[in-house]
Every structure is written in C-alpha cells, then in structure tokens.
Amino acid sequence: MSKLRFGTFMAPFHPPEHNPTLALQDDLDLLVHMDELGFDEAWIGEHHSAGSEIIASPEIFIATAAERTKNIKLGTGVVSLPYHNPLWVAERMVLLDHLTKGRIMFGVGPGALPTDAAMLGLEPPEMRPLLEEYMEVVMHLLTSEEPISYKNDRLTLDNARLHLRPYSDPLFDVAIAAVASPSGAKLAGKYGAGVLSLGATVAIGMDVLAHHWSVQEEVAAAHGKVADRDSWRLVGLMHLAETEEQARMDVEYGITQWFRYFQNVAAFPQMAVEGGNIDEMVDFVNGGLGVVGTPEMAIAQIEELLEQSNGGFGAYMTLAHNWANNAATKKSYELFARHVMPRFQSSGGGLVGAAERAQASRPGLAEKQLAAVEEATLRYEAEKASA
C-alpha cells in the first residue's frame, strides 16, 4: 500500500434559504483552500431536486474549479449514469481530461435521490440495471476505438465511437459508488475500477466494508482484472477544532439543517441519522459516524476504519457538510492537513521517527557535547597561557 490519500466528497449540502450563488462560490473557494493545503482529491456530486445539493453538473463545476486550482485531482462524485446518454458522458469526460491535463477522475452511480429519477420517469428498480448497461457502453467507448451499437426504450446508439481519445494514458481513474448493496463493488470488480464507499461510517456501511472488498476481488478475478486497494476510497464525516468544545460550538451553525435534510427531506434511507437536538446530533456523530472534535479524534477514527476494512484502503474523503461557517470550515481542513494527514503519510512518519531517535540519543550526545565544549575551553586557556 502507498501512502494514504485525502480529500473531500462535495455533494454539496446548503440550506435552501441561503443564497445559492454565494454558496457555490464558497464551494469553489474551499477547493482552492484544499489545493493550497495539499489535499489529493475532490469529488463533486450531481443532484437535481430536494433543494440542498445544488450542483446539477459536476463536469461544469469541475471545469471551473480546475482553472482555480493547480494540483488537486477532481472527480465526478458521481455522474448518475442512468440519467444520461452514455455517449455524451464519455465525450464530456474526455474533454475534461484534456482541459485538466489528466487531473480528472470519473465516478459513477445509479443516482441517490428518487426525486431526481422521478422527473425522468425512472423507478428505483430500474436504476442499477441501467447503470450496468450504460457503464458497459461508456467503458467500451473510453477503451476501444471500435464502434458500439446499443438500443433500449430510452435511447439508440448506432455505431457510436469517440473522435477524441483520452488525454490520460491508459485512462483516468474510474470509481463506482457503493453504500449498502454489493452492486457497486461488483461493477467495480468487472472493470478493475475503484470503489467510492459513500456510507463507510454509517452502521450499515461499516458492517459491509470487508464484504464489499471480497465481492470486488472475486468479480475482478473472474474478469481477468485486479482489485486494487489503493483505488478504494472511504467517505466519512469530520469537523475539527483545537478542542472538542470549540468543535461542538462550531457545528451549531448548520448541523441541525443537515440532520433534518436526511431525516425529513431526502428519500435516502441508507443515511439514517438520529438526533432531536444539537447535543444528540453531535453525540450520534461521535458514536461512530464521524468526528466533531479534535485531530486526535480524527486519527483514531481513520485507524478504526483501516482495521474495519481488513487490509486497508487508498484514500479517506471527508464529506463536505456545511455544519460550520466558512472560517471554521477552512480551519477544520487546515487542522486535518497539519495534524491528521502526516500520521498516515511517509513525510510525517519520517519526522516522528527522527524526533524519537534524537530523543533516545539525547542524554549521551548532550554529555559528549558538553565535554567537547569543556575541552575546547581548556585548550584555549592553555594556548593563551603559553602565548
């Protein structure tokens, strides 16, 4: 396993009563801040209803963010593939691949909000079969120059092919969203893709982490692919401050709206959260869902996830949640970058090891240093006396 990577999964979540134009600029500013702090990745969501998750096209948002950032990789988190013509999805991703010079990542899923699908006349049982069919088309277009034809009751492709090939060689990162069912892990195994474990820290998600990985390994082997743990990304919840008390005060800004969204608005039962007031909500988060607290608490949470995964994973993504105001949110990401990331990356480990070695050798070396100073002093006095 290489060093653990870190980033964010930005749906995003904004109170419906807030100015959406300003909220989107806040999201872009946060990505610039994360880029400057050295975060590795950011995944941008696609939603069309329910009033809080207001990015309708991750591709357009990513194109804007790419012009404002330098190093952070930007992914669709996710394109709800059943909503789209797979030919145009592939075309847009290849265009982004060229515009970003390889900083793009391609995440897909069946679509999280039933209120989105309903506007297209799609029922929940249709979503995963359509995802599998369209994913086959997209991957063929991205990896082969041979034409492909496809037809269902919603669209027709006749000898379709891409005229512009990807910039990335052989291809940009591809990831499949997974929450509770094994369908995402199964699809990832088929194409040798990564998995975005969106519900990694909810109870149902943690229970199936190791199972998802075993499914992915089995299916990958059956298709001549390799399941790579470095391509496995876990998404969890964090808000950090210098003290737990301060973190709890910070999230008074917006945690209630976020909880009420999942409790009363979004028809997304996999994200089952409990809490009637702010204290209960924070306690629920700190009961295993995530961390409202200090960097030390965040380190412990990630270590638990590493153990739960039964072999490790490649990246940890914090879910962008707007629990705190902009200043406190940026401070949280700064604390994460300064104190959490180094604990799981080689740069930080090397410094800790050097400090520990220096501490262990300090008594003996300090004694030798004092002796050398005393010797130099005596030598000087002797030279002065003989002059």
Protein backbone atom coordinates (compact mmCIF):
# COMPACT_ATOMS: atom_id res chain seq x y z
CA MET A 1 0.00 0.00 0.00
CA SER A 2 1.23 3.52 -0.81
CA LYS A 3 0.62 6.47 1.50
CA LEU A 4 -3.00 7.24 2.34
CA ARG A 5 -4.56 9.98 0.22
CA PHE A 6 -7.05 12.55 1.50
CA GLY A 7 -9.73 14.75 0.04
CA THR A 8 -13.40 15.65 0.10
CA PHE A 9 -16.68 14.40 -1.29
CA MET A 10 -18.74 17.51 -2.05
CA ALA A 11 -22.43 16.85 -2.73
CA PRO A 12 -22.72 19.72 -1.63
CA PHE A 13 -25.19 20.48 1.20
CA HIS A 14 -26.54 24.01 1.53
CA PRO A 15 -29.59 25.31 3.39
CA PRO A 16 -32.30 26.07 0.79
CA GLU A 17 -32.77 29.56 2.23
CA HIS A 18 -29.12 30.55 1.62
CA ASN A 19 -28.03 32.47 -1.48
CA PRO A 20 -27.12 29.70 -3.95
CA THR A 21 -24.78 31.88 -5.99
CA LEU A 22 -22.69 32.66 -2.92
CA ALA A 23 -22.89 29.05 -1.73
CA LEU A 24 -21.39 27.79 -5.00
CA GLN A 25 -18.59 30.33 -4.73
CA ASP A 26 -17.95 29.10 -1.18
CA ASP A 27 -17.61 25.57 -2.55
CA LEU A 28 -15.08 26.72 -5.13
CA ASP A 29 -13.15 28.70 -2.51
CA LEU A 30 -12.98 25.61 -0.31
CA LEU A 31 -11.43 23.60 -3.14
CA VAL A 32 -8.81 26.32 -3.67
CA HIS A 33 -8.06 26.22 0.07
CA MET A 34 -7.73 22.42 -0.02
CA ASP A 35 -5.44 22.62 -3.04
CA GLU A 36 -3.16 25.02 -1.17
CA LEU A 37 -3.16 22.71 1.87
CA GLY A 38 -2.03 19.72 -0.21
CA PHE A 39 -5.19 17.60 -0.31
CA ASP A 40 -5.14 14.99 -3.05
CA GLU A 41 -8.69 14.69 -4.39
CA ALA A 42 -12.16 16.25 -4.54
CA TRP A 43 -15.29 14.52 -5.81
CA ILE A 44 -18.24 16.64 -6.94
CA GLY A 45 -21.85 15.44 -6.86
CA GLU A 46 -24.80 15.60 -9.25
CA HIS A 47 -28.32 16.30 -7.97
CA HIS A 48 -31.44 17.91 -9.38
CA SER A 49 -34.03 18.15 -6.60
CA ALA A 50 -34.66 18.45 -2.82
CA GLY A 51 -33.21 21.95 -2.53
CA SER A 52 -29.85 21.40 -0.77
CA GLU A 53 -27.47 19.64 -3.16
CA ILE A 54 -27.32 22.31 -5.84
CA ILE A 55 -24.67 21.19 -8.33
CA ALA A 56 -26.52 19.87 -11.37
CA SER A 57 -23.43 19.18 -13.49
CA PRO A 58 -20.21 18.06 -11.80
CA GLU A 59 -18.44 18.43 -15.15
CA ILE A 60 -19.19 22.16 -15.40
CA PHE A 61 -18.25 22.72 -11.76
CA ILE A 62 -15.00 20.76 -12.22
CA ALA A 63 -14.06 22.80 -15.29
CA THR A 64 -14.43 25.98 -13.21
CA ALA A 65 -12.53 24.54 -10.23
CA ALA A 66 -9.72 23.29 -12.46
CA GLU A 67 -8.97 26.85 -13.57
CA ARG A 68 -8.63 27.98 -9.94
CA THR A 69 -6.52 25.08 -8.61
CA LYS A 70 -3.14 23.63 -9.50
CA ASN A 71 -2.65 20.11 -8.19
CA ILE A 72 -5.77 18.60 -6.61
CA LYS A 73 -7.46 15.92 -8.72
CA LEU A 74 -11.14 16.50 -9.48
CA GLY A 75 -13.72 13.76 -9.90
CA THR A 76 -17.39 13.37 -10.69
CA GLY A 77 -18.84 12.17 -7.43
CA VAL A 78 -20.88 10.91 -9.08
CA VAL A 79 -22.40 11.11 -12.53
CA SER A 80 -25.82 9.49 -12.13
CA LEU A 81 -25.36 7.42 -15.25
CA PRO A 82 -28.99 6.26 -15.77
CA TYR A 83 -29.98 9.92 -16.29
CA HIS A 84 -27.70 10.41 -19.28
CA ASN A 85 -26.81 9.30 -22.76
CA PRO A 86 -23.62 7.28 -22.13
CA LEU A 87 -22.03 8.53 -25.36
CA TRP A 88 -22.23 12.14 -24.22
CA VAL A 89 -20.98 11.22 -20.74
CA ALA A 90 -17.87 9.68 -22.27
CA GLU A 91 -17.40 12.70 -24.55
CA ARG A 92 -17.60 15.14 -21.64
CA MET A 93 -15.13 13.18 -19.51
CA VAL A 94 -12.59 13.02 -22.32
CA LEU A 95 -12.95 16.77 -22.88
CA LEU A 96 -12.34 17.38 -19.16
CA ASP A 97 -9.36 15.03 -19.27
CA HIS A 98 -7.75 17.25 -21.91
CA LEU A 99 -8.75 20.54 -20.29
CA THR A 100 -7.29 19.47 -16.92
CA LYS A 101 -4.29 17.66 -18.46
CA GLY A 102 -5.08 14.46 -16.61
CA ARG A 103 -6.41 15.80 -13.30
CA ILE A 104 -9.84 14.28 -13.88
CA MET A 105 -11.44 11.27 -12.17
CA PHE A 106 -14.64 9.56 -13.30
CA GLY A 107 -17.09 8.41 -10.64
CA VAL A 108 -20.48 6.90 -11.48
CA GLY A 109 -23.51 5.66 -9.59
CA PRO A 110 -27.18 4.84 -10.07
CA GLY A 111 -28.45 8.14 -8.63
CA ALA A 112 -29.10 8.81 -4.96
CA LEU A 113 -32.28 10.90 -4.91
CA PRO A 114 -35.51 9.26 -6.07
CA THR A 115 -36.90 12.76 -6.61
CA ASP A 116 -34.31 13.21 -9.38
CA ALA A 117 -35.17 9.96 -11.11
CA ALA A 118 -38.92 10.55 -10.85
CA MET A 119 -38.68 13.61 -13.08
CA LEU A 120 -37.27 11.35 -15.80
CA GLY A 121 -39.93 8.71 -15.31
CA LEU A 122 -37.43 6.30 -13.77
CA GLU A 123 -38.36 3.93 -10.92
CA PRO A 124 -35.82 2.80 -8.29
CA PRO A 125 -35.72 -0.83 -9.53
CA GLU A 126 -34.60 0.41 -12.95
CA MET A 127 -31.57 2.34 -11.76
CA ARG A 128 -28.95 -0.32 -11.11
CA PRO A 129 -29.67 -2.37 -14.26
CA LEU A 130 -29.40 0.83 -16.32
CA LEU A 131 -26.16 1.74 -14.56
CA GLU A 132 -24.67 -1.64 -15.51
CA GLU A 133 -25.81 -1.40 -19.14
CA TYR A 134 -24.67 2.19 -19.63
CA MET A 135 -21.37 1.55 -17.84
CA GLU A 136 -20.58 -1.17 -20.36
CA VAL A 137 -21.18 1.32 -23.17
CA VAL A 138 -19.08 4.07 -21.54
CA MET A 139 -16.12 1.80 -20.80
CA HIS A 140 -16.16 0.45 -24.35
CA LEU A 141 -16.12 4.00 -25.74
CA LEU A 142 -13.26 5.03 -23.44
CA THR A 143 -11.07 1.99 -24.00
CA SER A 144 -11.74 0.92 -27.60
CA GLU A 145 -11.73 2.61 -30.99
CA GLU A 146 -14.23 0.09 -32.33
CA PRO A 147 -17.81 1.37 -32.72
CA ILE A 148 -20.62 0.18 -30.48
CA SER A 149 -24.37 -0.02 -31.03
CA TYR A 150 -26.97 -0.11 -28.28
CA LYS A 151 -30.73 0.28 -28.04
CA ASN A 152 -33.30 0.36 -25.26
CA ASP A 153 -36.67 2.07 -24.92
CA ARG A 154 -34.97 5.34 -23.95
CA LEU A 155 -32.11 5.77 -26.43
CA THR A 156 -30.36 4.40 -29.51
CA LEU A 157 -26.65 4.35 -30.33
CA ASP A 158 -25.70 3.40 -33.88
CA ASN A 159 -22.01 2.64 -34.47
CA ALA A 160 -21.06 5.17 -31.79
CA ARG A 161 -17.43 5.99 -31.12
CA LEU A 162 -15.32 8.83 -29.72
CA HIS A 163 -13.48 11.02 -32.18
CA LEU A 164 -11.29 12.48 -29.40
CA ARG A 165 -9.36 9.91 -27.38
CA PRO A 166 -8.49 10.42 -23.67
CA TYR A 167 -5.52 12.54 -22.64
CA SER A 168 -4.66 10.16 -19.78
CA ASP A 169 -2.75 7.02 -20.73
CA PRO A 170 -4.14 4.46 -20.44
CA LEU A 171 -7.16 6.08 -18.73
CA PHE A 172 -8.13 8.40 -15.88
CA ASP A 173 -9.26 6.90 -12.56
CA VAL A 174 -12.69 5.27 -12.66
CA ALA A 175 -14.71 4.63 -9.48
CA ILE A 176 -18.14 3.19 -8.68
CA ALA A 177 -20.26 4.43 -5.79
CA ALA A 178 -21.26 1.89 -3.12
CA VAL A 179 -23.34 2.30 0.03
CA ALA A 180 -25.07 -0.82 1.30
CA SER A 181 -25.69 -3.23 -1.57
CA PRO A 182 -22.78 -5.11 -3.21
CA SER A 183 -23.75 -3.93 -6.72
CA GLY A 184 -21.17 -1.12 -6.75
CA ALA A 185 -18.35 -3.40 -5.64
CA LYS A 186 -19.43 -5.99 -8.21
CA LEU A 187 -19.38 -3.46 -11.05
CA ALA A 188 -16.01 -2.10 -9.92
CA GLY A 189 -14.57 -5.60 -9.98
CA LYS A 190 -15.82 -6.20 -13.52
CA TYR A 191 -13.91 -3.20 -14.89
CA GLY A 192 -10.98 -3.12 -12.48
CA ALA A 193 -12.29 0.22 -11.18
CA GLY A 194 -12.13 1.72 -7.73
CA VAL A 195 -14.95 1.91 -5.17
CA LEU A 196 -16.30 5.06 -3.53
CA SER A 197 -17.71 3.78 -0.23
CA LEU A 198 -20.13 6.62 0.50
CA GLY A 199 -21.61 5.09 3.63
CA ALA A 200 -18.35 3.90 5.10
CA THR A 201 -19.02 5.22 8.59
CA VAL A 202 -22.76 4.61 8.93
CA ALA A 203 -23.55 1.39 10.77
CA ILE A 204 -24.69 -0.49 7.67
CA GLY A 205 -21.62 0.72 5.75
CA MET A 206 -19.08 -0.37 8.35
CA ASP A 207 -20.73 -3.78 8.59
CA VAL A 208 -20.22 -4.43 4.88
CA LEU A 209 -16.80 -2.88 4.23
CA ALA A 210 -14.87 -6.13 4.26
CA HIS A 211 -17.70 -7.91 2.42
CA HIS A 212 -17.67 -5.32 -0.38
CA TRP A 213 -13.95 -5.84 -0.80
CA SER A 214 -14.29 -9.62 -1.03
CA VAL A 215 -17.03 -9.21 -3.66
CA GLN A 216 -14.84 -6.85 -5.68
CA GLU A 217 -11.86 -9.22 -5.51
CA GLU A 218 -13.90 -12.23 -6.62
CA VAL A 219 -15.54 -10.46 -9.55
CA ALA A 220 -12.28 -8.84 -10.64
CA ALA A 221 -10.53 -12.21 -10.73
CA ALA A 222 -13.39 -13.70 -12.77
CA HIS A 223 -12.95 -10.93 -15.39
CA GLY A 224 -9.16 -11.01 -15.50
CA LYS A 225 -8.86 -7.76 -13.53
CA VAL A 226 -7.07 -6.87 -10.31
CA ALA A 227 -8.85 -5.25 -7.37
CA ASP A 228 -6.51 -2.53 -6.11
CA ARG A 229 -6.93 -1.32 -2.53
CA ASP A 230 -5.24 1.96 -3.48
CA SER A 231 -8.32 2.70 -5.61
CA TRP A 232 -10.69 2.15 -2.68
CA ARG A 233 -11.95 5.43 -1.21
CA LEU A 234 -13.91 5.71 2.05
CA VAL A 235 -16.10 8.72 2.77
CA GLY A 236 -16.74 9.89 6.35
CA LEU A 237 -17.76 12.93 8.40
CA MET A 238 -15.37 15.29 10.15
CA HIS A 239 -15.39 18.74 11.71
CA LEU A 240 -12.25 19.58 13.65
CA ALA A 241 -11.24 22.36 16.01
CA GLU A 242 -8.46 22.79 18.56
CA THR A 243 -10.77 21.50 21.30
CA GLU A 244 -13.85 19.30 21.26
CA GLU A 245 -15.77 22.09 22.99
CA GLN A 246 -14.91 24.51 20.19
CA ALA A 247 -15.86 21.96 17.53
CA ARG A 248 -19.26 21.47 19.16
CA MET A 249 -19.80 25.23 19.20
CA ASP A 250 -18.79 25.50 15.53
CA VAL A 251 -21.37 23.00 14.29
CA GLU A 252 -24.25 24.84 15.95
CA TYR A 253 -24.16 26.85 12.71
CA GLY A 254 -25.55 24.14 10.44
CA ILE A 255 -25.63 20.59 11.77
CA THR A 256 -29.36 20.75 12.52
CA GLN A 257 -30.24 21.57 8.89
CA TRP A 258 -28.07 18.69 7.65
CA PHE A 259 -29.69 16.20 10.02
CA ARG A 260 -33.20 17.41 9.17
CA TYR A 261 -32.40 17.04 5.47
CA PHE A 262 -31.68 13.34 5.85
CA GLN A 263 -34.39 12.78 8.45
CA ASN A 264 -37.23 14.57 6.68
CA VAL A 265 -36.40 15.60 3.10
CA ALA A 266 -34.06 13.32 1.16
CA ALA A 267 -35.54 9.89 0.43
CA PHE A 268 -32.17 8.25 1.08
CA PRO A 269 -32.77 5.76 3.91
CA GLN A 270 -29.21 4.42 3.81
CA MET A 271 -28.12 7.65 5.53
CA ALA A 272 -30.18 7.09 8.67
CA VAL A 273 -29.18 9.68 11.27
CA GLU A 274 -30.63 10.18 14.73
CA GLY A 275 -30.86 13.19 16.99
CA GLY A 276 -33.54 15.58 18.19
CA ASN A 277 -31.26 18.44 19.29
CA ILE A 278 -27.71 19.59 18.64
CA ASP A 279 -26.15 17.69 21.55
CA GLU A 280 -27.85 14.46 20.48
CA MET A 281 -26.74 15.02 16.89
CA VAL A 282 -23.11 15.58 17.86
CA ASP A 283 -23.17 12.57 20.17
CA PHE A 284 -24.62 10.48 17.33
CA VAL A 285 -21.80 11.56 15.01
CA ASN A 286 -19.15 10.85 17.65
CA GLY A 287 -20.74 7.46 18.31
CA GLY A 288 -19.12 6.07 15.16
CA LEU A 289 -20.47 8.09 12.24
CA GLY A 290 -17.56 10.51 12.31
CA VAL A 291 -15.88 13.15 14.44
CA VAL A 292 -16.91 16.50 15.82
CA GLY A 293 -13.82 17.19 17.83
CA THR A 294 -10.04 17.26 17.65
CA PRO A 295 -7.41 15.99 15.20
CA GLU A 296 -6.56 13.23 17.69
CA MET A 297 -10.14 12.00 17.50
CA ALA A 298 -9.96 12.07 13.70
CA ILE A 299 -6.79 9.97 13.73
CA ALA A 300 -8.49 7.38 15.94
CA GLN A 301 -11.50 7.24 13.58
CA ILE A 302 -9.34 6.64 10.50
CA GLU A 303 -7.32 3.99 12.31
CA GLU A 304 -10.60 2.23 13.18
CA LEU A 305 -11.67 2.32 9.55
CA LEU A 306 -8.33 0.88 8.45
CA GLU A 307 -8.87 -2.00 10.85
CA GLN A 308 -12.51 -2.45 9.81
CA SER A 309 -11.53 -2.65 6.13
CA ASN A 310 -9.46 -5.74 6.89
CA GLY A 311 -6.44 -4.78 4.83
CA GLY A 312 -6.52 -1.05 4.25
CA PHE A 313 -7.74 1.35 1.60
CA GLY A 314 -6.24 4.07 -0.57
CA ALA A 315 -7.98 7.30 0.38
CA TYR A 316 -10.18 8.88 3.03
CA MET A 317 -12.63 11.56 1.88
CA THR A 318 -14.34 13.95 4.29
CA LEU A 319 -17.96 14.63 3.35
CA ALA A 320 -18.42 18.38 2.81
CA HIS A 321 -21.41 19.15 5.03
CA ASN A 322 -21.62 22.88 5.88
CA TRP A 323 -22.01 22.19 9.59
CA ALA A 324 -19.85 25.23 10.38
CA ASN A 325 -19.40 28.69 8.89
CA ASN A 326 -16.77 29.29 6.22
CA ALA A 327 -13.99 30.37 8.58
CA ALA A 328 -14.45 27.40 10.93
CA THR A 329 -14.77 25.01 7.97
CA LYS A 330 -11.50 26.18 6.47
CA LYS A 331 -9.86 25.94 9.91
CA SER A 332 -11.11 22.34 10.17
CA TYR A 333 -9.48 21.39 6.87
CA GLU A 334 -6.28 23.16 7.92
CA LEU A 335 -6.13 21.19 11.18
CA PHE A 336 -6.78 18.00 9.24
CA ALA A 337 -3.92 18.78 6.84
CA ARG A 338 -1.49 19.81 9.57
CA HIS A 339 -2.14 17.10 12.15
CA VAL A 340 -4.07 14.18 10.66
CA MET A 341 -2.65 13.66 7.18
CA PRO A 342 1.01 13.36 8.26
CA ARG A 343 0.14 10.46 10.58
CA PHE A 344 -0.79 8.36 7.56
CA GLN A 345 1.80 9.61 5.08
CA SER A 346 5.51 8.92 4.81
CA SER A 347 6.60 12.54 5.26
CA GLY A 348 5.09 12.80 8.73
CA GLY A 349 6.24 9.35 9.79
CA GLY A 350 9.84 10.17 8.92
CA LEU A 351 9.84 13.30 11.05
CA VAL A 352 8.30 11.50 14.03
CA GLY A 353 10.89 8.75 13.73
CA ALA A 354 13.72 11.31 13.56
CA ALA A 355 12.41 13.07 16.66
CA GLU A 356 12.15 9.79 18.58
CA ARG A 357 15.69 8.76 17.63
CA ALA A 358 17.03 12.15 18.63
CA GLN A 359 15.25 11.95 21.97
CA ALA A 360 16.62 8.48 22.67
CA SER A 361 20.20 9.53 21.91
CA ARG A 362 19.98 12.95 23.57
CA PRO A 363 21.46 12.12 27.03
CA GLY A 364 24.65 10.54 25.67
CA LEU A 365 25.13 13.09 22.88
CA ALA A 366 24.47 16.02 25.21
CA GLU A 367 27.11 14.73 27.60
CA LYS A 368 29.62 14.42 24.75
CA GLN A 369 28.72 17.90 23.54
CA LEU A 370 29.39 19.41 26.99
CA ALA A 371 32.67 17.53 27.22
CA ALA A 372 33.73 18.87 23.82
CA VAL A 373 32.94 22.43 24.91
CA GLU A 374 34.91 21.97 28.11
CA GLU A 375 37.85 20.52 26.18
CA ALA A 376 37.83 23.44 23.74
CA THR A 377 37.75 25.89 26.64
CA LEU A 378 40.72 24.22 28.37
CA ARG A 379 42.66 24.14 25.11
CA TYR A 380 42.05 27.84 24.60
CA GLU A 381 43.19 28.63 28.15
CA ALA A 382 46.31 26.56 27.63
CA GLU A 383 47.14 28.30 24.34
CA LYS A 384 46.58 31.67 25.98
CA ALA A 385 48.88 30.82 28.88
CA SER A 386 51.71 29.70 26.58
CA ALA A 387 51.50 32.75 24.34
